[in-house]
Amino acid sequence: MTHKSGFVNIIGNPNVGKSTLMNALVGEKLSIITAKAQTTRHRILGIVNDDNHQVIFSDTPGIIKPAYELQNSMMDFVKSAFDDADVLIYMVEVGEKELKNEAFFNRIIHSEIPVILLLNKIDKSSQDEVEEKIEYWKNKVPNAFVYVISALEKFNVDSVFTKIIELLPEGPAFYPKDQLTDKPERFFVNEKIREKILTHYKKEIPYSIEVETEEFFEEENIIKIRSVIMVERDTQKGIIIGHKGTALKRVGTESRKDLELFFDKKVFLELYVKVNKNWRSNDKQLKRFGYKD
């Protein structure tokens, strides 16, 4: 049997289930998931290997109209997903009628590469509504293969994977066969901590922070980690820490438990909070955190 390989890039509006889908396809929780929009900031690869295939899935930020430089960089990750895709997954949910960027939508419907349109969260809809939406999207994106799924329940995900394999071009592996992702360990430490902040803090706080892991030492029986939570203002620092440090302690405890599951090893985690003013609009800082080349 010939070997197939390629990039399968997932795009769509915020909160349609892109990260949940990639985690289901890869079989690992690589992308963090919360109920808040803009949870995913980077383009994250998840690699599925067997003897005859290498499928490189790519989770991307939800498509928005950028309001500051960080969001411009996030949309650049989406643009890059169009450029190198061998198969494009356009993900929507029941009740949704358009992409929040007309230029991106035009690229989808005029795509020369295969497009799979996934209608997600069908477990929250009636059969009549689902059938109506299938017809709507078949007319809206006539070049797409349309599937209904529940990424959370993993309903019909296997059928989608089978179709992906069918559409992939023949070619050699792009990455070593034992590689799961393109991101280093520190990236996932940062993301697990950021996930807890998105979960427990409200309003602008989760969007104003960045996490940087300064130390990551892996020993035989333990991983010792020191990470810094960056905020934009002094008032935000106080909110992150909380009364007598209780809020920060909760973030640290929950992050450590997740990291122990992720790395399958005992973790010692130190968390600190620093002010890094206006980092979201600073090109130098965005480069430092991996949002710009």
C-alpha atoms as a PDB file:
ATOM      1  CA  MET A   1       0.000   0.000   0.000  1.00  0.00           C
ATOM      2  CA  THR A   2       1.265   3.493  -0.855  1.00  0.00           C
ATOM      3  CA  HIS A   3       1.956   5.980   1.936  1.00  0.00           C
ATOM      4  CA  LYS A   4      -0.305   9.042   2.303  1.00  0.00           C
ATOM      5  CA  SER A   5       0.480  12.206   4.225  1.00  0.00           C
ATOM      6  CA  GLY A   6      -0.652  15.797   4.450  1.00  0.00           C
ATOM      7  CA  PHE A   7      -1.875  18.797   6.422  1.00  0.00           C
ATOM      8  CA  VAL A   8      -5.524  18.865   7.487  1.00  0.00           C
ATOM      9  CA  ASN A   9      -6.272  22.340   8.773  1.00  0.00           C
ATOM     10  CA  ILE A  10      -9.343  23.186  10.865  1.00  0.00           C
ATOM     11  CA  ILE A  11     -10.880  26.661  10.627  1.00  0.00           C
ATOM     12  CA  GLY A  12     -14.120  28.293  11.760  1.00  0.00           C
ATOM     13  CA  ASN A  13     -15.692  30.884  14.023  1.00  0.00           C
ATOM     14  CA  PRO A  14     -14.842  30.985  17.748  1.00  0.00           C
ATOM     15  CA  ASN A  15     -16.377  28.315  19.982  1.00  0.00           C
ATOM     16  CA  VAL A  16     -17.584  25.951  17.232  1.00  0.00           C
ATOM     17  CA  GLY A  17     -15.557  23.031  18.615  1.00  0.00           C
ATOM     18  CA  LYS A  18     -12.336  23.084  16.580  1.00  0.00           C
ATOM     19  CA  SER A  19     -10.089  22.228  19.521  1.00  0.00           C
ATOM     20  CA  THR A  20     -12.454  19.515  20.759  1.00  0.00           C
ATOM     21  CA  LEU A  21     -12.404  17.975  17.282  1.00  0.00           C
ATOM     22  CA  MET A  22      -8.622  17.967  16.986  1.00  0.00           C
ATOM     23  CA  ASN A  23      -8.215  16.436  20.423  1.00  0.00           C
ATOM     24  CA  ALA A  24     -10.722  13.722  19.449  1.00  0.00           C
ATOM     25  CA  LEU A  25      -8.931  13.005  16.160  1.00  0.00           C
ATOM     26  CA  VAL A  26      -5.467  12.934  17.732  1.00  0.00           C
ATOM     27  CA  GLY A  27      -6.497  11.105  20.885  1.00  0.00           C
ATOM     28  CA  GLU A  28      -4.686  13.562  23.169  1.00  0.00           C
ATOM     29  CA  LYS A  29      -5.688  16.850  24.780  1.00  0.00           C
ATOM     30  CA  LEU A  30      -3.262  19.079  22.895  1.00  0.00           C
ATOM     31  CA  SER A  31      -5.539  22.115  22.548  1.00  0.00           C
ATOM     32  CA  ILE A  32      -7.026  23.705  25.657  1.00  0.00           C
ATOM     33  CA  ILE A  33     -10.802  24.012  25.774  1.00  0.00           C
ATOM     34  CA  THR A  34     -13.002  26.513  27.598  1.00  0.00           C
ATOM     35  CA  ALA A  35     -16.403  28.085  27.046  1.00  0.00           C
ATOM     36  CA  LYS A  36     -14.778  31.455  26.294  1.00  0.00           C
ATOM     37  CA  ALA A  37     -14.103  32.736  22.783  1.00  0.00           C
ATOM     38  CA  GLN A  38     -10.489  33.127  21.614  1.00  0.00           C
ATOM     39  CA  THR A  39      -9.268  30.267  23.807  1.00  0.00           C
ATOM     40  CA  THR A  40      -6.911  29.135  21.028  1.00  0.00           C
ATOM     41  CA  ARG A  41      -4.278  31.765  20.205  1.00  0.00           C
ATOM     42  CA  HIS A  42      -1.692  29.753  18.291  1.00  0.00           C
ATOM     43  CA  ARG A  43      -1.768  27.304  15.426  1.00  0.00           C
ATOM     44  CA  ILE A  44      -1.225  23.897  17.054  1.00  0.00           C
ATOM     45  CA  LEU A  45      -0.316  20.717  15.188  1.00  0.00           C
ATOM     46  CA  GLY A  46      -1.448  17.255  16.247  1.00  0.00           C
ATOM     47  CA  ILE A  47       0.075  14.346  14.314  1.00  0.00           C
ATOM     48  CA  VAL A  48      -1.594  10.968  13.772  1.00  0.00           C
ATOM     49  CA  ASN A  49       0.677   8.181  12.505  1.00  0.00           C
ATOM     50  CA  ASP A  50       0.375   4.598  11.357  1.00  0.00           C
ATOM     51  CA  ASP A  51       2.340   2.493   8.879  1.00  0.00           C
ATOM     52  CA  ASN A  52       0.536   3.872   5.836  1.00  0.00           C
ATOM     53  CA  HIS A  53      -0.427   7.423   6.835  1.00  0.00           C
ATOM     54  CA  GLN A  54       0.716  10.566   8.549  1.00  0.00           C
ATOM     55  CA  VAL A  55      -2.114  13.044   9.130  1.00  0.00           C
ATOM     56  CA  ILE A  56      -1.014  16.444  10.449  1.00  0.00           C
ATOM     57  CA  PHE A  57      -4.016  18.171  11.984  1.00  0.00           C
ATOM     58  CA  SER A  58      -3.856  21.890  12.650  1.00  0.00           C
ATOM     59  CA  ASP A  59      -6.052  23.689  15.173  1.00  0.00           C
ATOM     60  CA  THR A  60      -6.346  27.435  14.547  1.00  0.00           C
ATOM     61  CA  PRO A  61      -7.747  30.466  16.402  1.00  0.00           C
ATOM     62  CA  GLY A  62     -11.408  31.261  15.863  1.00  0.00           C
ATOM     63  CA  ILE A  63     -11.961  33.768  13.066  1.00  0.00           C
ATOM     64  CA  ILE A  64     -12.655  37.292  14.353  1.00  0.00           C
ATOM     65  CA  LYS A  65     -12.284  40.920  13.305  1.00  0.00           C
ATOM     66  CA  PRO A  66      -8.999  41.925  14.990  1.00  0.00           C
ATOM     67  CA  ALA A  67      -9.094  44.736  17.562  1.00  0.00           C
ATOM     68  CA  TYR A  68      -5.404  44.820  18.532  1.00  0.00           C
ATOM     69  CA  GLU A  69      -2.059  43.479  17.327  1.00  0.00           C
ATOM     70  CA  LEU A  70      -2.257  40.107  19.106  1.00  0.00           C
ATOM     71  CA  GLN A  71      -5.516  39.377  17.296  1.00  0.00           C
ATOM     72  CA  ASN A  72      -3.928  40.371  13.974  1.00  0.00           C
ATOM     73  CA  SER A  73      -1.249  37.768  14.645  1.00  0.00           C
ATOM     74  CA  MET A  74      -3.905  35.183  15.502  1.00  0.00           C
ATOM     75  CA  MET A  75      -5.595  35.805  12.141  1.00  0.00           C
ATOM     76  CA  ASP A  76      -2.206  35.412  10.431  1.00  0.00           C
ATOM     77  CA  PHE A  77      -2.155  31.852  11.810  1.00  0.00           C
ATOM     78  CA  VAL A  78      -5.524  31.273  10.120  1.00  0.00           C
ATOM     79  CA  LYS A  79      -4.217  32.662   6.820  1.00  0.00           C
ATOM     80  CA  SER A  80      -1.247  30.300   6.971  1.00  0.00           C
ATOM     81  CA  ALA A  81      -3.666  27.393   7.426  1.00  0.00           C
ATOM     82  CA  PHE A  82      -5.122  28.156   3.982  1.00  0.00           C
ATOM     83  CA  ASP A  83      -1.693  28.267   2.400  1.00  0.00           C
ATOM     84  CA  ASP A  84      -0.377  24.798   3.271  1.00  0.00           C
ATOM     85  CA  ALA A  85      -3.547  22.697   3.622  1.00  0.00           C
ATOM     86  CA  ASP A  86      -3.974  19.459   1.683  1.00  0.00           C
ATOM     87  CA  VAL A  87      -7.486  19.137   3.135  1.00  0.00           C
ATOM     88  CA  LEU A  88      -9.420  22.010   4.684  1.00  0.00           C
ATOM     89  CA  ILE A  89     -11.967  21.397   7.446  1.00  0.00           C
ATOM     90  CA  TYR A  90     -14.510  24.196   7.797  1.00  0.00           C
ATOM     91  CA  MET A  91     -16.366  23.740  11.064  1.00  0.00           C
ATOM     92  CA  VAL A  92     -19.747  25.287  11.880  1.00  0.00           C
ATOM     93  CA  GLU A  93     -22.364  24.691  14.526  1.00  0.00           C
ATOM     94  CA  VAL A  94     -26.132  24.445  14.316  1.00  0.00           C
ATOM     95  CA  GLY A  95     -27.633  27.944  14.262  1.00  0.00           C
ATOM     96  CA  GLU A  96     -24.620  29.528  12.587  1.00  0.00           C
ATOM     97  CA  LYS A  97     -25.089  31.117   9.182  1.00  0.00           C
ATOM     98  CA  GLU A  98     -21.848  32.770   8.167  1.00  0.00           C
ATOM     99  CA  LEU A  99     -18.145  33.079   8.797  1.00  0.00           C
ATOM    100  CA  LYS A 100     -17.099  36.259  10.609  1.00  0.00           C
ATOM    101  CA  ASN A 101     -14.775  37.182   7.753  1.00  0.00           C
ATOM    102  CA  GLU A 102     -16.073  37.396   4.181  1.00  0.00           C
ATOM    103  CA  ALA A 103     -12.616  37.148   2.622  1.00  0.00           C
ATOM    104  CA  PHE A 104     -11.912  33.871   4.415  1.00  0.00           C
ATOM    105  CA  PHE A 105     -15.323  32.511   3.394  1.00  0.00           C
ATOM    106  CA  ASN A 106     -14.643  33.343  -0.263  1.00  0.00           C
ATOM    107  CA  ARG A 107     -11.367  31.426  -0.026  1.00  0.00           C
ATOM    108  CA  ILE A 108     -13.279  28.393   1.267  1.00  0.00           C
ATOM    109  CA  ILE A 109     -15.916  28.296  -1.454  1.00  0.00           C
ATOM    110  CA  HIS A 110     -13.314  28.865  -4.191  1.00  0.00           C
ATOM    111  CA  SER A 111     -10.780  26.457  -2.733  1.00  0.00           C
ATOM    112  CA  GLU A 112      -8.960  24.179  -5.174  1.00  0.00           C
ATOM    113  CA  ILE A 113      -8.181  21.711  -2.401  1.00  0.00           C
ATOM    114  CA  PRO A 114     -10.781  19.369  -0.849  1.00  0.00           C
ATOM    115  CA  VAL A 115     -13.062  20.975   1.742  1.00  0.00           C
ATOM    116  CA  ILE A 116     -14.879  19.038   4.460  1.00  0.00           C
ATOM    117  CA  LEU A 117     -17.664  20.996   6.155  1.00  0.00           C
ATOM    118  CA  LEU A 118     -18.529  19.703   9.608  1.00  0.00           C
ATOM    119  CA  LEU A 119     -21.842  20.635  11.215  1.00  0.00           C
ATOM    120  CA  ASN A 120     -21.014  20.256  14.899  1.00  0.00           C
ATOM    121  CA  LYS A 121     -23.065  20.067  18.125  1.00  0.00           C
ATOM    122  CA  ILE A 122     -25.944  18.222  16.482  1.00  0.00           C
ATOM    123  CA  ASP A 123     -26.669  16.606  19.852  1.00  0.00           C
ATOM    124  CA  LYS A 124     -28.154  19.974  20.843  1.00  0.00           C
ATOM    125  CA  SER A 125     -30.625  20.119  17.926  1.00  0.00           C
ATOM    126  CA  SER A 126     -33.702  18.379  16.576  1.00  0.00           C
ATOM    127  CA  GLN A 127     -33.558  16.078  13.559  1.00  0.00           C
ATOM    128  CA  ASP A 128     -35.595  18.521  11.466  1.00  0.00           C
ATOM    129  CA  GLU A 129     -33.255  21.407  12.283  1.00  0.00           C
ATOM    130  CA  VAL A 130     -30.190  19.325  11.452  1.00  0.00           C
ATOM    131  CA  GLU A 131     -31.625  18.270   8.070  1.00  0.00           C
ATOM    132  CA  GLU A 132     -32.506  21.884   7.290  1.00  0.00           C
ATOM    133  CA  LYS A 133     -28.949  22.993   8.122  1.00  0.00           C
ATOM    134  CA  ILE A 134     -27.405  20.233   6.003  1.00  0.00           C
ATOM    135  CA  GLU A 135     -29.268  21.540   2.963  1.00  0.00           C
ATOM    136  CA  TYR A 136     -28.375  25.139   3.858  1.00  0.00           C
ATOM    137  CA  TRP A 137     -24.644  24.410   3.999  1.00  0.00           C
ATOM    138  CA  LYS A 138     -24.662  22.212   0.907  1.00  0.00           C
ATOM    139  CA  ASN A 139     -26.038  25.191  -1.007  1.00  0.00           C
ATOM    140  CA  LYS A 140     -23.768  27.696   0.744  1.00  0.00           C
ATOM    141  CA  VAL A 141     -20.547  25.673   0.229  1.00  0.00           C
ATOM    142  CA  PRO A 142     -21.275  23.465  -2.798  1.00  0.00           C
ATOM    143  CA  ASN A 143     -17.653  22.343  -3.125  1.00  0.00           C
ATOM    144  CA  ALA A 144     -17.627  20.743   0.347  1.00  0.00           C
ATOM    145  CA  PHE A 145     -18.182  17.226   1.642  1.00  0.00           C
ATOM    146  CA  VAL A 146     -20.743  17.788   4.431  1.00  0.00           C
ATOM    147  CA  TYR A 147     -20.809  15.708   7.628  1.00  0.00           C
ATOM    148  CA  VAL A 148     -22.806  16.070  10.837  1.00  0.00           C
ATOM    149  CA  ILE A 149     -20.857  15.386  14.023  1.00  0.00           C
ATOM    150  CA  SER A 150     -20.673  15.857  17.755  1.00  0.00           C
ATOM    151  CA  ALA A 151     -16.990  16.442  18.482  1.00  0.00           C
ATOM    152  CA  LEU A 152     -17.649  16.335  22.235  1.00  0.00           C
ATOM    153  CA  GLU A 153     -19.410  12.963  22.034  1.00  0.00           C
ATOM    154  CA  LYS A 154     -17.104  11.794  19.208  1.00  0.00           C
ATOM    155  CA  PHE A 155     -20.170  11.003  17.106  1.00  0.00           C
ATOM    156  CA  ASN A 156     -19.298  10.383  13.423  1.00  0.00           C
ATOM    157  CA  VAL A 157     -15.666  11.457  13.962  1.00  0.00           C
ATOM    158  CA  ASP A 158     -14.433   8.088  12.658  1.00  0.00           C
ATOM    159  CA  SER A 159     -16.324   8.630   9.383  1.00  0.00           C
ATOM    160  CA  VAL A 160     -14.692  12.027   8.989  1.00  0.00           C
ATOM    161  CA  PHE A 161     -11.250  10.513   9.589  1.00  0.00           C
ATOM    162  CA  THR A 162     -11.918   7.850   6.943  1.00  0.00           C
ATOM    163  CA  LYS A 163     -12.828  10.578   4.438  1.00  0.00           C
ATOM    164  CA  ILE A 164      -9.670  12.509   5.310  1.00  0.00           C
ATOM    165  CA  ILE A 165      -7.512   9.466   4.580  1.00  0.00           C
ATOM    166  CA  GLU A 166      -9.286   9.055   1.243  1.00  0.00           C
ATOM    167  CA  LEU A 167      -8.575  12.677   0.277  1.00  0.00           C
ATOM    168  CA  LEU A 168      -4.929  12.846   1.365  1.00  0.00           C
ATOM    169  CA  PRO A 169      -2.276  12.848  -1.353  1.00  0.00           C
ATOM    170  CA  GLU A 170       0.402  10.186  -1.577  1.00  0.00           C
ATOM    171  CA  GLY A 171       3.711  11.195  -0.040  1.00  0.00           C
ATOM    172  CA  PRO A 172       6.313  10.512   2.632  1.00  0.00           C
ATOM    173  CA  ALA A 173       6.029  11.455   6.294  1.00  0.00           C
ATOM    174  CA  PHE A 174       6.833  15.086   7.135  1.00  0.00           C
ATOM    175  CA  TYR A 175       7.707  14.326  10.768  1.00  0.00           C
ATOM    176  CA  PRO A 176       9.231  11.368  12.641  1.00  0.00           C
ATOM    177  CA  LYS A 177       6.603   8.675  13.142  1.00  0.00           C
ATOM    178  CA  ASP A 178       6.796   8.882  16.931  1.00  0.00           C
ATOM    179  CA  GLN A 179       6.165  12.661  17.020  1.00  0.00           C
ATOM    180  CA  LEU A 180       2.802  13.862  18.338  1.00  0.00           C
ATOM    181  CA  THR A 181       3.048  17.640  17.869  1.00  0.00           C
ATOM    182  CA  ASP A 182       5.342  20.450  16.747  1.00  0.00           C
ATOM    183  CA  LYS A 183       5.216  22.262  20.088  1.00  0.00           C
ATOM    184  CA  PRO A 184       7.758  21.883  22.954  1.00  0.00           C
ATOM    185  CA  GLU A 185       6.858  20.863  26.516  1.00  0.00           C
ATOM    186  CA  ARG A 186       6.963  24.454  27.775  1.00  0.00           C
ATOM    187  CA  PHE A 187       4.218  25.451  25.323  1.00  0.00           C
ATOM    188  CA  PHE A 188       1.814  22.940  26.867  1.00  0.00           C
ATOM    189  CA  VAL A 189       2.720  24.072  30.380  1.00  0.00           C
ATOM    190  CA  ASN A 190       1.823  27.634  29.361  1.00  0.00           C
ATOM    191  CA  GLU A 191      -1.442  26.507  27.784  1.00  0.00           C
ATOM    192  CA  LYS A 192      -2.575  24.412  30.762  1.00  0.00           C
ATOM    193  CA  ILE A 193      -2.047  27.395  33.070  1.00  0.00           C
ATOM    194  CA  ARG A 194      -3.793  29.757  30.658  1.00  0.00           C
ATOM    195  CA  GLU A 195      -6.749  27.348  30.466  1.00  0.00           C
ATOM    196  CA  LYS A 196      -7.275  27.655  34.236  1.00  0.00           C
ATOM    197  CA  ILE A 197      -7.133  31.440  34.030  1.00  0.00           C
ATOM    198  CA  LEU A 198      -9.720  31.424  31.234  1.00  0.00           C
ATOM    199  CA  THR A 199     -11.905  29.180  33.398  1.00  0.00           C
ATOM    200  CA  HIS A 200     -11.741  31.104  36.671  1.00  0.00           C
ATOM    201  CA  TYR A 201     -11.411  34.793  35.733  1.00  0.00           C
ATOM    202  CA  LYS A 202     -13.931  37.065  34.043  1.00  0.00           C
ATOM    203  CA  LYS A 203     -14.142  40.028  31.669  1.00  0.00           C
ATOM    204  CA  GLU A 204     -10.857  41.237  30.187  1.00  0.00           C
ATOM    205  CA  ILE A 205      -8.503  39.435  32.599  1.00  0.00           C
ATOM    206  CA  PRO A 206      -8.105  36.139  30.648  1.00  0.00           C
ATOM    207  CA  TYR A 207      -7.411  38.009  27.406  1.00  0.00           C
ATOM    208  CA  SER A 208      -4.821  40.311  28.985  1.00  0.00           C
ATOM    209  CA  ILE A 209      -2.535  37.541  30.228  1.00  0.00           C
ATOM    210  CA  GLU A 210       0.276  35.533  28.703  1.00  0.00           C
ATOM    211  CA  VAL A 211       2.146  32.677  30.381  1.00  0.00           C
ATOM    212  CA  GLU A 212       5.880  32.102  30.020  1.00  0.00           C
ATOM    213  CA  THR A 213       7.671  29.064  31.446  1.00  0.00           C
ATOM    214  CA  GLU A 214      11.131  30.161  32.539  1.00  0.00           C
ATOM    215  CA  GLU A 215      12.362  26.848  33.923  1.00  0.00           C
ATOM    216  CA  PHE A 216      11.526  23.246  33.007  1.00  0.00           C
ATOM    217  CA  PHE A 217      13.751  20.621  34.616  1.00  0.00           C
ATOM    218  CA  GLU A 218      12.829  16.964  34.129  1.00  0.00           C
ATOM    219  CA  GLU A 219      14.323  14.525  36.607  1.00  0.00           C
ATOM    220  CA  GLU A 220      13.746  10.798  36.957  1.00  0.00           C
ATOM    221  CA  ASN A 221      10.721  11.050  39.228  1.00  0.00           C
ATOM    222  CA  ILE A 222       9.591  14.678  38.963  1.00  0.00           C
ATOM    223  CA  ILE A 223       9.375  17.688  36.648  1.00  0.00           C
ATOM    224  CA  LYS A 224      10.205  21.039  38.270  1.00  0.00           C
ATOM    225  CA  ILE A 225       8.563  24.007  36.563  1.00  0.00           C
ATOM    226  CA  ARG A 226       8.711  27.758  37.151  1.00  0.00           C
ATOM    227  CA  SER A 227       6.190  29.829  35.157  1.00  0.00           C
ATOM    228  CA  VAL A 228       5.299  33.503  35.062  1.00  0.00           C
ATOM    229  CA  ILE A 229       1.842  34.910  34.368  1.00  0.00           C
ATOM    230  CA  MET A 230       2.160  38.233  32.523  1.00  0.00           C
ATOM    231  CA  VAL A 231      -0.563  40.866  32.948  1.00  0.00           C
ATOM    232  CA  GLU A 232      -0.875  44.325  31.414  1.00  0.00           C
ATOM    233  CA  ARG A 233      -1.733  46.385  34.515  1.00  0.00           C
ATOM    234  CA  ASP A 234      -0.989  46.438  38.239  1.00  0.00           C
ATOM    235  CA  THR A 235      -4.691  46.080  39.076  1.00  0.00           C
ATOM    236  CA  GLN A 236      -4.819  42.854  37.043  1.00  0.00           C
ATOM    237  CA  LYS A 237      -1.885  41.466  39.021  1.00  0.00           C
ATOM    238  CA  GLY A 238      -3.868  41.841  42.240  1.00  0.00           C
ATOM    239  CA  ILE A 239      -6.905  40.121  40.734  1.00  0.00           C
ATOM    240  CA  ILE A 240      -4.841  37.175  39.467  1.00  0.00           C
ATOM    241  CA  ILE A 241      -3.209  36.695  42.899  1.00  0.00           C
ATOM    242  CA  GLY A 242      -6.451  37.160  44.867  1.00  0.00           C
ATOM    243  CA  HIS A 243      -6.965  37.642  48.596  1.00  0.00           C
ATOM    244  CA  LYS A 244      -3.967  36.179  50.442  1.00  0.00           C
ATOM    245  CA  GLY A 245      -2.934  34.434  47.232  1.00  0.00           C
ATOM    246  CA  THR A 246      -5.927  32.087  47.153  1.00  0.00           C
ATOM    247  CA  ALA A 247      -6.838  32.677  43.485  1.00  0.00           C
ATOM    248  CA  LEU A 248      -3.294  32.058  42.259  1.00  0.00           C
ATOM    249  CA  LYS A 249      -3.005  28.974  44.469  1.00  0.00           C
ATOM    250  CA  ARG A 250      -6.148  27.512  42.866  1.00  0.00           C
ATOM    251  CA  VAL A 251      -4.727  28.085  39.377  1.00  0.00           C
ATOM    252  CA  GLY A 252      -1.453  26.469  40.425  1.00  0.00           C
ATOM    253  CA  THR A 253      -3.061  23.429  42.031  1.00  0.00           C
ATOM    254  CA  GLU A 254      -5.406  22.717  39.102  1.00  0.00           C
ATOM    255  CA  SER A 255      -2.640  23.304  36.540  1.00  0.00           C
ATOM    256  CA  ARG A 256      -0.271  20.964  38.377  1.00  0.00           C
ATOM    257  CA  LYS A 257      -2.864  18.174  38.411  1.00  0.00           C
ATOM    258  CA  ASP A 258      -3.460  18.544  34.665  1.00  0.00           C
ATOM    259  CA  LEU A 259       0.268  18.624  33.957  1.00  0.00           C
ATOM    260  CA  GLU A 260       0.834  15.449  35.970  1.00  0.00           C
ATOM    261  CA  LEU A 261      -1.756  13.700  33.788  1.00  0.00           C
ATOM    262  CA  PHE A 262      -0.282  15.179  30.614  1.00  0.00           C
ATOM    263  CA  PHE A 263       3.341  14.257  31.388  1.00  0.00           C
ATOM    264  CA  ASP A 264       2.474  11.117  33.411  1.00  0.00           C
ATOM    265  CA  LYS A 265       4.897  12.224  36.108  1.00  0.00           C
ATOM    266  CA  LYS A 266       4.873  14.123  39.397  1.00  0.00           C
ATOM    267  CA  VAL A 267       5.107  17.897  38.866  1.00  0.00           C
ATOM    268  CA  PHE A 268       6.337  20.691  41.141  1.00  0.00           C
ATOM    269  CA  LEU A 269       4.984  24.012  39.831  1.00  0.00           C
ATOM    270  CA  GLU A 270       5.936  27.511  40.962  1.00  0.00           C
ATOM    271  CA  LEU A 271       3.775  30.392  39.688  1.00  0.00           C
ATOM    272  CA  TYR A 272       4.578  34.113  39.737  1.00  0.00           C
ATOM    273  CA  VAL A 273       2.773  37.176  38.371  1.00  0.00           C
ATOM    274  CA  LYS A 274       4.479  40.090  36.625  1.00  0.00           C
ATOM    275  CA  VAL A 275       3.269  43.244  34.870  1.00  0.00           C
ATOM    276  CA  ASN A 276       4.235  43.521  31.196  1.00  0.00           C
ATOM    277  CA  LYS A 277       2.454  46.669  30.042  1.00  0.00           C
ATOM    278  CA  ASN A 278       0.564  46.594  26.736  1.00  0.00           C
ATOM    279  CA  TRP A 279       2.268  43.385  25.594  1.00  0.00           C
ATOM    280  CA  ARG A 280      -0.674  42.571  23.278  1.00  0.00           C
ATOM    281  CA  SER A 281       0.154  45.595  21.091  1.00  0.00           C
ATOM    282  CA  ASN A 282       3.941  45.351  21.253  1.00  0.00           C
ATOM    283  CA  ASP A 283       5.613  43.659  18.263  1.00  0.00           C
ATOM    284  CA  LYS A 284       8.732  42.817  20.268  1.00  0.00           C
ATOM    285  CA  GLN A 285       6.704  41.088  22.977  1.00  0.00           C
ATOM    286  CA  LEU A 286       4.514  39.265  20.451  1.00  0.00           C
ATOM    287  CA  LYS A 287       7.665  37.865  18.824  1.00  0.00           C
ATOM    288  CA  ARG A 288       8.958  36.820  22.223  1.00  0.00           C
ATOM    289  CA  PHE A 289       5.758  34.859  22.900  1.00  0.00           C
ATOM    290  CA  GLY A 290       5.704  33.212  19.470  1.00  0.00           C
ATOM    291  CA  TYR A 291       2.911  35.188  17.802  1.00  0.00           C
ATOM    292  CA  LYS A 292       5.170  36.719  15.155  1.00  0.00           C
ATOM    293  CA  ASP A 293       8.214  35.517  13.229  1.00  0.00           C
END
